Amino acid sequence: MYLYVVMPKAEEYLWVEERMDIPKGNIEEYKFHSEKLEENRRIRMYTPQGYKKMVNHMNFT
């Protein structure tokens, strides 16, 4: 789920609009157990197009 706010009177910024001339990356979700919080957590990570996944040294699942 993605949330955003539309503010009609706010100044418009170029970075808000989708640009079709730029390659798109991916958003991946990983899950892990936090020993400090004593619960399962999740993190979403953006990777640019062409990113090569390396060894999973963070123990994400």
Protein backbone atom coordinates (compact mmCIF):
# COMPACT_ATOMS: atom_id res chain seq x y z
CA MET A 1 0.00 0.00 0.00
CA TYR A 2 1.31 3.43 -0.95
CA LEU A 3 -0.05 6.65 0.50
CA TYR A 4 0.26 10.17 -0.79
CA VAL A 5 -1.33 13.56 -0.29
CA VAL A 6 -2.67 15.91 -2.97
CA MET A 7 -2.38 19.58 -2.05
CA PRO A 8 -4.04 21.66 -4.80
CA LYS A 9 -2.61 25.01 -3.63
CA ALA A 10 0.96 23.74 -3.15
CA GLU A 11 3.70 24.68 -5.60
CA GLU A 12 4.20 21.99 -8.24
CA TYR A 13 7.55 20.20 -8.32
CA LEU A 14 9.08 18.38 -11.28
CA TRP A 15 10.19 15.40 -9.16
CA VAL A 16 6.58 14.55 -8.32
CA GLU A 17 5.61 13.76 -11.92
CA GLU A 18 6.42 10.39 -13.47
CA ARG A 19 9.06 10.70 -16.18
CA MET A 20 8.69 8.15 -18.95
CA ASP A 21 12.24 8.75 -20.22
CA ILE A 22 13.88 7.33 -17.06
CA PRO A 23 14.30 3.55 -16.52
CA LYS A 24 12.22 2.24 -13.61
CA GLY A 25 13.66 0.27 -10.72
CA ASN A 26 11.97 -2.09 -8.25
CA ILE A 27 10.70 -1.91 -4.70
CA GLU A 28 11.31 -5.15 -2.83
CA GLU A 29 10.03 -6.08 0.60
CA TYR A 30 12.18 -8.01 3.06
CA LYS A 31 11.24 -9.44 6.44
CA PHE A 32 13.48 -9.92 9.46
CA HIS A 33 13.27 -10.48 13.20
CA SER A 34 14.36 -7.59 15.43
CA GLU A 35 15.97 -8.86 18.60
CA LYS A 36 15.86 -5.36 20.09
CA LEU A 37 12.11 -4.92 19.49
CA GLU A 38 11.42 -8.63 19.92
CA GLU A 39 9.15 -8.76 16.90
CA ASN A 40 9.12 -9.44 13.19
CA ARG A 41 9.69 -6.36 11.02
CA ARG A 42 9.67 -5.56 7.34
CA ILE A 43 11.63 -3.13 5.22
CA ARG A 44 11.03 -1.97 1.66
CA MET A 45 14.07 -1.23 -0.44
CA TYR A 46 14.27 0.54 -3.80
CA THR A 47 16.81 -0.82 -6.26
CA PRO A 48 17.50 0.92 -9.58
CA GLN A 49 17.02 -0.83 -12.91
CA GLY A 50 19.94 -3.16 -13.64
CA TYR A 51 20.84 -3.61 -9.96
CA LYS A 52 22.52 -6.97 -9.37
CA LYS A 53 21.55 -8.66 -6.11
CA MET A 54 24.56 -9.71 -4.04
CA VAL A 55 24.90 -12.12 -1.13
CA ASN A 56 22.16 -11.75 1.51
CA HIS A 57 24.46 -10.80 4.38
CA MET A 58 21.65 -8.99 6.28
CA ASN A 59 19.59 -12.18 6.70
CA PHE A 60 16.49 -10.74 5.04
CA THR A 61 13.93 -13.28 3.87
